[in-house]
């Protein structure tokens, strides 16, 4: 199979053309203009559509404009998307990805102009406008090896130092932070405590945090936050443990729901408060959707634990063998615990193969997850590594995966995958503090979600993962547009 290397120069032209073409259209509607006398005033308003489509050169490309006209009741044979801006739900936190040791290692091997290209591609309005960054507390599998911030056996944490992170990881984070500006959201997750704190005396292969080190480990979180904030990187929050039910050949640690609850209630939460970090967000679970309800019930039903938990994080890996993504479990948490937030904390396409950089189903996995996660109440969405090399790494246990952008470090080239553009259909246009609004589809052949930005502009994302073109109506109040979406295509409609 021929490998397609999509240079950023092409992507930048397309994305820049998207931005410049907006001058041909009217300014986004203010909320007061949209909501008048309980009706939606959209007739003859121009609609912008951005498209990414398999088998074409369309990558977040501005399609021909259309206009709203008066709507009538659609026929049963017609496919319609119904948007109701009067029904608003969760507030949007943002979209982003992880700057891991692997990402920063690959980044360091790029020329200066390619580094700028990568950062602009992710963290500017000419790119796809990420505002969330996740990182690991010391090492994870994506890096050159295991390490911690202390000398092994230092139970008093006297040797704590993030000097290793200052070499490559923190400089990359700070460059991204400077581009993001005020909307910057940064959080961190541990993959394993130091080996001496664990039952198996190994950072790898699971094991548990021993009870006598619960407080030491809570103090370790505080030292991490203080050290990063001393580098002028404000820490929004932490997750308690990456994948706490998975014994992996890489850094991993097991917590039962009761163990995580008690660590939060008795150690981490009180320690944050004692150190003036009561405003930091603590996210529980940080694992797949399939078992998320048990974790939520166990922790959120305990008032003393629940008061420290901002919300619950989740991954998508229950689907890697074709399993059911269990979006209903997310909806159940939204209904059961409306004061708690849902945050997608990690996802990537597993089993890296350089012959499949442009495999479209990888992008559609992102589109399906993002649409359904947001429709289930999720406030923010975080991809895994933002950059990996031509081998899907580096990863010190050979757990190689795909990223939205890869670097061929031998050729000093960036490789943009379809996943990058599918993520961009959300992250480029939906702004922090936007509100999700009611969106339903009359047929399951299309998937869709909508948000209303703080300035009143509405963003509707539509995905067609079928093999057929589909004609549909977008109906908003008394008005509609008639449009078509090609096979294996993502559209973002702005009005």
Protein backbone atom coordinates (compact mmCIF):
# COMPACT_ATOMS: atom_id res chain seq x y z
CA UNK A 1 0.00 0.00 0.00
CA UNK A 2 1.36 3.39 -0.93
CA UNK A 3 2.03 5.62 2.10
CA UNK A 4 0.76 9.16 1.73
CA UNK A 5 2.84 11.86 3.42
CA UNK A 6 0.67 14.91 3.85
CA UNK A 7 2.92 17.91 4.37
CA UNK A 8 1.82 20.66 6.69
CA UNK A 9 2.38 23.19 3.96
CA UNK A 10 -0.72 21.77 2.26
CA UNK A 11 -2.61 21.56 5.54
CA UNK A 12 -1.61 25.10 6.49
CA UNK A 13 -2.86 26.48 3.18
CA UNK A 14 -6.17 24.70 3.63
CA UNK A 15 -6.58 25.80 7.21
CA UNK A 16 -5.48 29.34 6.42
CA UNK A 17 -7.95 29.49 3.53
CA UNK A 18 -10.64 28.46 5.99
CA UNK A 19 -9.76 31.40 8.20
CA UNK A 20 -9.46 33.98 5.42
CA UNK A 21 -12.69 32.97 3.73
CA UNK A 22 -14.66 33.97 6.81
CA UNK A 23 -14.33 37.59 5.69
CA UNK A 24 -16.83 36.84 2.94
CA UNK A 25 -19.50 36.01 5.49
CA UNK A 26 -21.40 37.95 8.08
CA UNK A 27 -20.08 38.07 11.61
CA UNK A 28 -21.21 35.32 14.00
CA UNK A 29 -24.63 35.93 15.42
CA UNK A 30 -24.82 37.19 18.97
CA UNK A 31 -27.01 35.22 21.33
CA UNK A 32 -29.46 38.10 21.45
CA UNK A 33 -29.84 37.92 17.68
CA UNK A 34 -30.46 34.20 17.69
CA UNK A 35 -33.04 34.08 20.46
CA UNK A 36 -35.89 36.47 19.79
CA UNK A 37 -39.49 35.90 20.90
CA UNK A 38 -38.75 32.21 21.48
CA UNK A 39 -37.95 31.65 17.81
CA UNK A 40 -34.72 31.20 15.89
CA UNK A 41 -34.14 33.99 13.36
CA UNK A 42 -32.02 32.31 10.70
CA UNK A 43 -33.81 32.84 7.38
CA UNK A 44 -31.37 33.90 4.63
CA UNK A 45 -28.42 33.67 7.04
CA UNK A 46 -25.29 32.27 5.43
CA UNK A 47 -23.97 28.93 6.60
CA UNK A 48 -20.29 27.95 6.44
CA UNK A 49 -19.42 24.27 5.98
CA UNK A 50 -15.96 22.77 6.44
CA UNK A 51 -15.33 19.29 5.04
CA UNK A 52 -12.84 16.44 5.35
CA UNK A 53 -13.57 13.59 2.95
CA UNK A 54 -11.88 10.30 2.09
CA UNK A 55 -10.57 9.96 -1.45
CA UNK A 56 -10.38 13.73 -1.97
CA UNK A 57 -8.05 16.61 -1.12
CA UNK A 58 -10.64 18.09 1.24
CA UNK A 59 -9.09 18.51 4.68
CA UNK A 60 -10.99 21.00 6.83
CA UNK A 61 -11.74 22.72 3.54
CA UNK A 62 -14.35 25.45 3.19
CA UNK A 63 -17.21 24.13 1.05
CA UNK A 64 -19.68 26.25 -0.96
CA UNK A 65 -21.89 28.37 1.27
CA UNK A 66 -25.57 27.73 1.63
CA UNK A 67 -28.44 29.58 3.33
CA UNK A 68 -31.26 28.82 5.69
CA UNK A 69 -34.75 28.75 4.23
CA UNK A 70 -38.13 28.14 5.82
CA UNK A 71 -38.60 24.57 7.06
CA UNK A 72 -41.55 22.25 6.73
CA UNK A 73 -42.21 18.92 8.43
CA UNK A 74 -39.71 16.43 6.89
CA UNK A 75 -41.06 13.26 5.35
CA UNK A 76 -40.40 9.88 6.92
CA UNK A 77 -38.21 9.03 3.94
CA UNK A 78 -35.97 12.08 4.52
CA UNK A 79 -32.98 12.22 6.85
CA UNK A 80 -32.97 15.18 9.20
CA UNK A 81 -30.79 16.61 11.96
CA UNK A 82 -32.79 18.60 14.52
CA UNK A 83 -30.98 21.28 16.54
CA UNK A 84 -32.67 23.12 19.41
CA UNK A 85 -30.47 25.92 20.87
CA UNK A 86 -33.02 26.54 23.64
CA UNK A 87 -32.03 23.24 25.27
CA UNK A 88 -28.51 23.63 26.63
CA UNK A 89 -26.38 21.17 28.55
CA UNK A 90 -22.77 20.94 29.76
CA UNK A 91 -20.20 23.70 29.40
CA UNK A 92 -17.26 22.89 27.12
CA UNK A 93 -13.80 22.77 28.74
CA UNK A 94 -11.75 22.07 25.63
CA UNK A 95 -9.90 19.52 23.51
CA UNK A 96 -6.24 18.57 23.49
CA UNK A 97 -3.65 15.85 23.76
CA UNK A 98 -0.71 14.59 25.81
CA UNK A 99 2.83 15.92 25.71
CA UNK A 100 4.64 12.80 26.85
CA UNK A 101 8.34 12.08 27.09
CA UNK A 102 7.94 10.30 23.75
CA UNK A 103 6.36 13.38 22.13
CA UNK A 104 9.03 15.72 23.46
CA UNK A 105 11.81 13.31 22.46
CA UNK A 106 10.57 13.19 18.86
CA UNK A 107 9.97 16.95 18.89
CA UNK A 108 13.59 17.55 19.92
CA UNK A 109 14.81 15.74 16.79
CA UNK A 110 12.93 18.05 14.41
CA UNK A 111 14.43 21.12 12.79
CA UNK A 112 13.38 24.50 14.19
CA UNK A 113 10.95 25.17 11.34
CA UNK A 114 9.29 21.77 11.76
CA UNK A 115 8.94 22.33 15.48
CA UNK A 116 7.14 25.59 14.78
CA UNK A 117 4.96 23.83 12.22
CA UNK A 118 3.96 21.15 14.72
CA UNK A 119 3.12 23.66 17.45
CA UNK A 120 1.13 25.86 15.06
CA UNK A 121 -0.70 22.80 13.74
CA UNK A 122 -2.01 21.96 17.19
CA UNK A 123 -2.14 25.11 19.28
CA UNK A 124 -3.17 28.03 17.05
CA UNK A 125 -6.33 29.10 15.24
CA UNK A 126 -4.56 28.45 11.93
CA UNK A 127 -4.20 24.87 13.18
CA UNK A 128 -6.78 22.97 15.21
CA UNK A 129 -6.69 25.11 18.33
CA UNK A 130 -5.97 22.63 21.16
CA UNK A 131 -6.18 24.09 24.67
CA UNK A 132 -5.78 21.00 26.91
CA UNK A 133 -2.46 19.29 27.67
CA UNK A 134 -2.03 16.13 29.72
CA UNK A 135 1.29 14.74 30.90
CA UNK A 136 2.54 11.93 33.13
CA UNK A 137 3.81 12.24 36.70
CA UNK A 138 7.32 10.88 36.11
CA UNK A 139 7.46 8.07 33.54
CA UNK A 140 4.90 6.20 31.44
CA UNK A 141 5.42 3.64 28.71
CA UNK A 142 5.82 6.32 26.04
CA UNK A 143 9.41 7.36 26.72
CA UNK A 144 12.91 5.97 26.76
CA UNK A 145 12.66 4.23 30.15
CA UNK A 146 11.21 4.18 33.65
CA UNK A 147 12.16 6.88 36.16
CA UNK A 148 10.80 8.75 39.18
CA UNK A 149 11.54 12.15 40.72
CA UNK A 150 13.25 10.68 43.78
CA UNK A 151 16.02 8.27 44.60
CA UNK A 152 14.70 4.75 45.15
CA UNK A 153 13.80 4.22 48.81
CA UNK A 154 13.50 7.93 49.65
CA UNK A 155 10.32 7.73 51.71
CA UNK A 156 10.79 11.29 52.96
CA UNK A 157 10.95 12.68 49.40
CA UNK A 158 14.10 14.66 50.22
CA UNK A 159 15.59 14.02 46.78
CA UNK A 160 12.49 15.10 44.83
CA UNK A 161 13.47 16.84 41.58
CA UNK A 162 11.89 17.33 38.14
CA UNK A 163 15.25 18.12 36.49
CA UNK A 164 14.73 15.32 33.96
CA UNK A 165 11.45 16.89 32.80
CA UNK A 166 13.18 20.25 32.35
CA UNK A 167 15.38 18.90 29.57
CA UNK A 168 12.76 18.26 26.86
CA UNK A 169 9.24 17.81 28.24
CA UNK A 170 8.73 21.10 30.07
CA UNK A 171 10.22 23.29 27.29
CA UNK A 172 7.73 21.78 24.83
CA UNK A 173 4.83 22.25 27.24
CA UNK A 174 5.79 25.88 27.81
CA UNK A 175 5.93 26.61 24.07
CA UNK A 176 2.45 25.14 23.66
CA UNK A 177 1.23 27.05 26.72
CA UNK A 178 2.43 30.34 25.23
CA UNK A 179 0.38 29.73 22.08
CA UNK A 180 -2.76 28.64 23.96
CA UNK A 181 -2.89 31.64 26.28
CA UNK A 182 -5.64 32.11 28.84
CA UNK A 183 -7.60 28.98 27.88
CA UNK A 184 -4.69 26.70 28.85
CA UNK A 185 -5.78 23.58 30.81
CA UNK A 186 -2.95 21.37 32.08
CA UNK A 187 -3.33 18.17 34.08
CA UNK A 188 -1.16 15.20 35.02
CA UNK A 189 -1.59 11.49 35.70
CA UNK A 190 0.66 8.91 37.39
CA UNK A 191 1.20 5.51 35.80
CA UNK A 192 2.91 4.03 38.88
CA UNK A 193 4.33 5.07 42.24
CA UNK A 194 8.04 4.37 42.81
CA UNK A 195 8.80 0.65 43.04
CA UNK A 196 9.60 0.63 46.78
CA UNK A 197 6.10 1.92 47.57
CA UNK A 198 4.41 -1.02 45.82
CA UNK A 199 3.54 -4.58 46.74
CA UNK A 200 5.43 -6.03 43.76
CA UNK A 201 8.49 -3.76 44.19
CA UNK A 202 8.29 -2.93 40.49
CA UNK A 203 6.94 0.07 38.59
CA UNK A 204 5.82 -2.32 35.85
CA UNK A 205 3.37 -5.23 35.91
CA UNK A 206 0.69 -3.79 38.17
CA UNK A 207 1.08 -4.26 41.89
CA UNK A 208 -0.55 -1.99 44.50
CA UNK A 209 0.42 1.04 46.51
CA UNK A 210 1.10 -0.19 50.04
CA UNK A 211 -1.05 1.48 52.72
CA UNK A 212 1.96 2.75 54.67
CA UNK A 213 2.87 4.89 51.64
CA UNK A 214 -0.56 6.41 50.99
CA UNK A 215 0.40 9.69 52.64
CA UNK A 216 3.87 9.75 51.09
CA UNK A 217 2.32 9.30 47.67
CA UNK A 218 -0.19 12.10 48.33
CA UNK A 219 2.74 14.35 49.32
CA UNK A 220 4.45 13.36 46.05
CA UNK A 221 1.49 14.80 44.08
CA UNK A 222 1.85 18.08 45.98
CA UNK A 223 5.58 18.26 45.26
CA UNK A 224 4.85 17.66 41.57
CA UNK A 225 2.35 20.53 41.45
CA UNK A 226 4.67 22.90 43.31
CA UNK A 227 7.60 22.02 41.05
CA UNK A 228 5.64 22.55 37.82
CA UNK A 229 4.09 25.77 39.05
CA UNK A 230 7.58 26.99 39.96
CA UNK A 231 8.22 26.64 36.21
CA UNK A 232 5.20 28.92 35.57
CA UNK A 233 3.03 26.03 34.37
CA UNK A 234 -0.29 26.27 36.27
CA UNK A 235 -1.66 22.83 37.11
CA UNK A 236 -5.42 22.61 36.54
CA UNK A 237 -5.69 19.18 38.12
CA UNK A 238 -4.64 15.54 38.37
CA UNK A 239 -6.08 12.10 37.89
CA UNK A 240 -5.44 9.68 40.75
CA UNK A 241 -4.16 6.76 38.65
CA UNK A 242 -3.95 5.94 34.98
CA UNK A 243 -5.91 2.74 34.27
CA UNK A 244 -6.23 1.49 37.87
CA UNK A 245 -7.65 -1.91 36.86
CA UNK A 246 -5.03 -2.85 34.24
CA UNK A 247 -1.93 -4.91 35.03
CA UNK A 248 0.33 -3.85 32.16
CA UNK A 249 3.85 -4.75 31.12
CA UNK A 250 4.59 -1.04 31.46
CA UNK A 251 4.18 1.30 34.45
CA UNK A 252 0.90 0.40 36.15
CA UNK A 253 -0.73 0.21 39.56
CA UNK A 254 -3.99 -1.37 40.69
CA UNK A 255 -6.60 0.29 42.88
CA UNK A 256 -9.97 -1.24 43.67
CA UNK A 257 -12.81 1.25 43.79
CA UNK A 258 -12.69 1.18 47.59
CA UNK A 259 -8.92 1.72 47.65
CA UNK A 260 -9.13 4.71 45.33
CA UNK A 261 -12.03 6.11 47.37
CA UNK A 262 -10.10 5.81 50.62
CA UNK A 263 -6.88 7.27 49.17
CA UNK A 264 -8.86 10.26 47.90
CA UNK A 265 -10.86 10.69 51.12
CA UNK A 266 -8.11 10.16 53.67
CA UNK A 267 -4.96 11.31 51.88
CA UNK A 268 -5.00 13.08 48.55
CA UNK A 269 -8.00 15.36 49.09
CA UNK A 270 -7.03 16.53 52.59
CA UNK A 271 -3.39 16.92 51.54
CA UNK A 272 -4.37 19.18 48.64
CA UNK A 273 -6.49 21.30 50.96
CA UNK A 274 -3.75 21.49 53.60
CA UNK A 275 -1.31 22.79 50.98
CA UNK A 276 -3.64 25.39 49.52
CA UNK A 277 -4.54 23.27 46.48
CA UNK A 278 -8.23 22.88 47.20
CA UNK A 279 -8.95 24.48 43.84
CA UNK A 280 -7.09 21.78 41.92
CA UNK A 281 -9.37 19.35 40.13
CA UNK A 282 -9.11 15.69 41.15
CA UNK A 283 -10.36 13.22 38.54
CA UNK A 284 -11.08 9.62 39.52
CA UNK A 285 -11.03 6.35 37.52
CA UNK A 286 -9.12 7.42 34.34
CA UNK A 287 -9.91 4.09 32.69
CA UNK A 288 -12.42 2.57 30.25
CA UNK A 289 -16.17 3.15 29.96
CA UNK A 290 -17.18 -0.45 30.66
CA UNK A 291 -16.54 -0.45 34.44
CA UNK A 292 -16.92 3.29 35.01
CA UNK A 293 -20.30 3.07 36.77
CA UNK A 294 -18.99 0.93 39.62
CA UNK A 295 -16.17 3.38 40.26
CA UNK A 296 -18.55 6.35 40.16
CA UNK A 297 -21.04 4.69 42.50
CA UNK A 298 -18.38 3.68 45.00
CA UNK A 299 -16.65 7.07 45.20
CA UNK A 300 -19.48 9.54 44.59
CA UNK A 301 -21.84 7.84 47.05
CA UNK A 302 -19.35 8.50 49.84
CA UNK A 303 -19.83 12.17 50.81
CA UNK A 304 -16.37 12.49 52.38
CA UNK A 305 -14.66 11.19 49.22
CA UNK A 306 -17.04 12.80 46.76
CA UNK A 307 -16.41 16.32 48.05
CA UNK A 308 -12.83 16.12 46.75
CA UNK A 309 -13.72 14.70 43.31
CA UNK A 310 -14.30 17.16 40.46
CA UNK A 311 -15.35 14.35 38.17
CA UNK A 312 -14.46 11.10 36.48
CA UNK A 313 -12.12 10.40 33.58
CA UNK A 314 -12.32 7.66 30.98
CA UNK A 315 -10.57 6.01 28.03
CA UNK A 316 -11.92 4.13 25.00
CA UNK A 317 -9.87 0.91 25.02
CA UNK A 318 -12.82 -1.35 25.75
CA UNK A 319 -13.39 -1.07 21.98
CA UNK A 320 -9.94 -2.09 20.76
CA UNK A 321 -11.13 -5.65 20.03
CA UNK A 322 -14.42 -4.41 18.59
CA UNK A 323 -16.31 -4.14 21.88
CA UNK A 324 -19.28 -1.93 22.63
CA UNK A 325 -18.13 1.60 23.58
CA UNK A 326 -20.76 1.78 26.37
CA UNK A 327 -21.83 5.40 25.87
CA UNK A 328 -24.91 4.62 27.95
CA UNK A 329 -22.64 4.23 30.98
CA UNK A 330 -21.56 7.84 30.54
CA UNK A 331 -25.16 9.01 30.23
CA UNK A 332 -26.00 7.14 33.42
CA UNK A 333 -23.28 9.02 35.31
CA UNK A 334 -24.48 12.35 33.89
CA UNK A 335 -28.01 11.55 35.10
CA UNK A 336 -26.97 10.02 38.44
CA UNK A 337 -24.34 12.58 39.45
CA UNK A 338 -25.13 15.85 37.63
CA UNK A 339 -22.68 17.79 39.81
CA UNK A 340 -19.75 15.65 38.59
CA UNK A 341 -17.97 16.19 35.30
CA UNK A 342 -17.00 13.67 32.60
CA UNK A 343 -13.55 14.04 31.02
CA UNK A 344 -12.15 11.88 28.23
CA UNK A 345 -8.54 11.47 29.35
CA UNK A 346 -6.96 9.16 26.76
CA UNK A 347 -7.45 7.40 23.45
CA UNK A 348 -5.27 6.31 20.55
CA UNK A 349 -5.32 3.82 17.71
CA UNK A 350 -3.36 0.77 18.83
CA UNK A 351 -1.07 -1.57 16.86
CA UNK A 352 0.96 0.90 14.83
CA UNK A 353 1.59 0.08 11.19
CA UNK A 354 3.36 2.62 8.94
CA UNK A 355 1.42 1.32 5.96
CA UNK A 356 -1.78 2.68 7.50
CA UNK A 357 -1.07 6.32 8.34
CA UNK A 358 -4.03 7.28 6.14
CA UNK A 359 -6.42 4.54 7.26
CA UNK A 360 -9.77 6.32 7.40
CA UNK A 361 -11.36 4.08 10.01
CA UNK A 362 -8.84 5.42 12.55
CA UNK A 363 -10.31 8.90 12.07
CA UNK A 364 -13.88 7.60 12.21
CA UNK A 365 -13.12 6.00 15.57
CA UNK A 366 -12.24 9.49 16.80
CA UNK A 367 -15.34 11.02 15.25
CA UNK A 368 -17.68 8.41 16.70
CA UNK A 369 -16.16 8.71 20.16
CA UNK A 370 -16.12 12.50 20.25
CA UNK A 371 -19.71 12.91 19.03
CA UNK A 372 -21.10 10.32 21.41
CA UNK A 373 -18.94 11.29 24.37
CA UNK A 374 -20.06 14.90 24.09
CA UNK A 375 -23.69 13.88 23.61
CA UNK A 376 -23.35 11.84 26.81
CA UNK A 377 -22.28 14.87 28.85
CA UNK A 378 -18.49 14.96 28.47
CA UNK A 379 -16.98 18.43 29.02
CA UNK A 380 -13.47 17.89 27.64
CA UNK A 381 -11.64 15.47 25.39
CA UNK A 382 -7.92 14.59 25.59
CA UNK A 383 -6.11 12.54 22.94
CA UNK A 384 -3.00 10.55 23.82
CA UNK A 385 0.47 11.42 22.36
CA UNK A 386 0.35 14.51 20.16
CA UNK A 387 3.46 13.35 18.29
CA UNK A 388 5.21 10.02 17.71
CA UNK A 389 7.97 8.93 15.36
CA UNK A 390 7.92 6.79 12.23
CA UNK A 391 7.89 3.67 14.41
CA UNK A 392 4.93 4.70 16.58
CA UNK A 393 7.20 5.47 19.52
CA UNK A 394 9.52 5.73 21.31
CA UNK A 395 8.03 3.33 23.83
CA UNK A 396 10.31 1.49 26.24
CA UNK A 397 8.16 -1.68 26.19
CA UNK A 398 7.40 -1.59 22.44
CA UNK A 399 3.74 -0.64 22.89
CA UNK A 400 3.73 1.27 19.59
CA UNK A 401 0.63 3.25 18.58
CA UNK A 402 -0.67 5.87 16.17
CA UNK A 403 -0.81 9.61 16.85
CA UNK A 404 -2.69 12.28 14.85
CA UNK A 405 0.70 13.53 13.63
CA UNK A 406 3.85 11.48 13.17
CA UNK A 407 7.37 12.65 12.42
CA UNK A 408 9.66 10.83 10.05
CA UNK A 409 12.81 11.75 11.95
CA UNK A 410 15.03 10.39 9.16
CA UNK A 411 13.52 12.77 6.61
CA UNK A 412 12.55 15.61 8.99
CA UNK A 413 8.96 15.42 7.77
CA UNK A 414 5.59 15.60 9.52
CA UNK A 415 2.89 13.12 8.54
CA UNK A 416 -0.69 14.29 9.08
CA UNK A 417 -3.22 11.51 9.50
CA UNK A 418 -6.99 11.78 8.90
CA UNK A 419 -7.48 11.63 12.68
CA UNK A 420 -5.83 15.05 13.00
CA UNK A 421 -8.47 16.59 10.75
CA UNK A 422 -11.40 14.77 12.32
CA UNK A 423 -10.37 16.04 15.77
CA UNK A 424 -10.00 19.50 14.23
CA UNK A 425 -13.64 19.50 13.15
CA UNK A 426 -14.41 19.96 16.85
CA UNK A 427 -11.37 21.64 18.41
CA UNK A 428 -10.86 24.30 15.76
CA UNK A 429 -14.36 25.74 16.04
CA UNK A 430 -15.86 24.98 19.49
CA UNK A 431 -14.65 27.51 22.04
CA UNK A 432 -14.13 27.06 25.80
CA UNK A 433 -17.33 27.85 27.75
CA UNK A 434 -19.50 26.89 24.77
CA UNK A 435 -22.68 25.02 25.72
CA UNK A 436 -23.73 21.77 24.10
CA UNK A 437 -27.22 22.11 22.66
CA UNK A 438 -29.89 19.57 21.79
CA UNK A 439 -29.11 17.68 18.57
CA UNK A 440 -30.80 14.53 17.28
CA UNK A 441 -30.68 12.63 14.00
CA UNK A 442 -33.63 10.84 12.42
CA UNK A 443 -31.48 7.97 11.09
CA UNK A 444 -28.46 6.21 12.56
CA UNK A 445 -26.58 6.54 9.25
CA UNK A 446 -25.46 10.01 10.43
CA UNK A 447 -23.94 11.06 13.75
CA UNK A 448 -24.04 14.64 15.01
CA UNK A 449 -23.49 16.98 17.94
CA UNK A 450 -23.78 20.76 18.37
CA UNK A 451 -22.40 23.49 20.61
CA UNK A 452 -23.20 27.18 20.91
CA UNK A 453 -20.14 29.37 21.44
CA UNK A 454 -20.18 32.25 23.93
CA UNK A 455 -20.67 34.73 21.05
CA UNK A 456 -23.85 32.90 19.92
CA UNK A 457 -22.30 31.11 16.95
CA UNK A 458 -23.54 27.51 16.61
CA UNK A 459 -21.26 24.64 15.60
CA UNK A 460 -22.87 21.43 14.32
CA UNK A 461 -20.59 18.50 13.50
CA UNK A 462 -21.92 15.77 11.17
CA UNK A 463 -20.22 12.46 10.34
CA UNK A 464 -21.09 9.95 7.63
CA UNK A 465 -19.11 6.72 8.04
CA UNK A 466 -21.19 4.80 5.49
CA UNK A 467 -20.19 3.94 1.92
CA UNK A 468 -22.99 6.07 0.44
CA UNK A 469 -23.58 9.81 -0.03
CA UNK A 470 -26.46 11.08 2.11
CA UNK A 471 -28.82 13.98 1.51
CA UNK A 472 -30.09 15.52 4.72
CA UNK A 473 -31.86 18.51 6.20
CA UNK A 474 -30.44 20.51 9.09
CA UNK A 475 -33.49 21.91 10.88
CA UNK A 476 -33.12 24.66 13.48
CA UNK A 477 -36.43 25.99 14.72
CA UNK A 478 -38.48 27.13 11.74
CA UNK A 479 -35.55 27.08 9.31
CA UNK A 480 -33.49 24.51 7.45
CA UNK A 481 -30.66 23.94 5.06
CA UNK A 482 -30.64 21.12 2.51
CA UNK A 483 -27.22 19.57 2.24
CA UNK A 484 -25.31 16.47 1.14
CA UNK A 485 -22.50 14.62 2.83
CA UNK A 486 -20.21 12.31 0.86
CA UNK A 487 -19.25 8.81 2.05
CA UNK A 488 -16.67 8.66 4.87
CA UNK A 489 -16.85 12.39 5.45
CA UNK A 490 -16.89 14.80 8.36
CA UNK A 491 -18.53 18.22 8.15
CA UNK A 492 -18.57 21.18 10.54
CA UNK A 493 -21.46 23.56 9.94
CA UNK A 494 -21.20 27.07 11.41
CA UNK A 495 -24.17 29.43 11.66
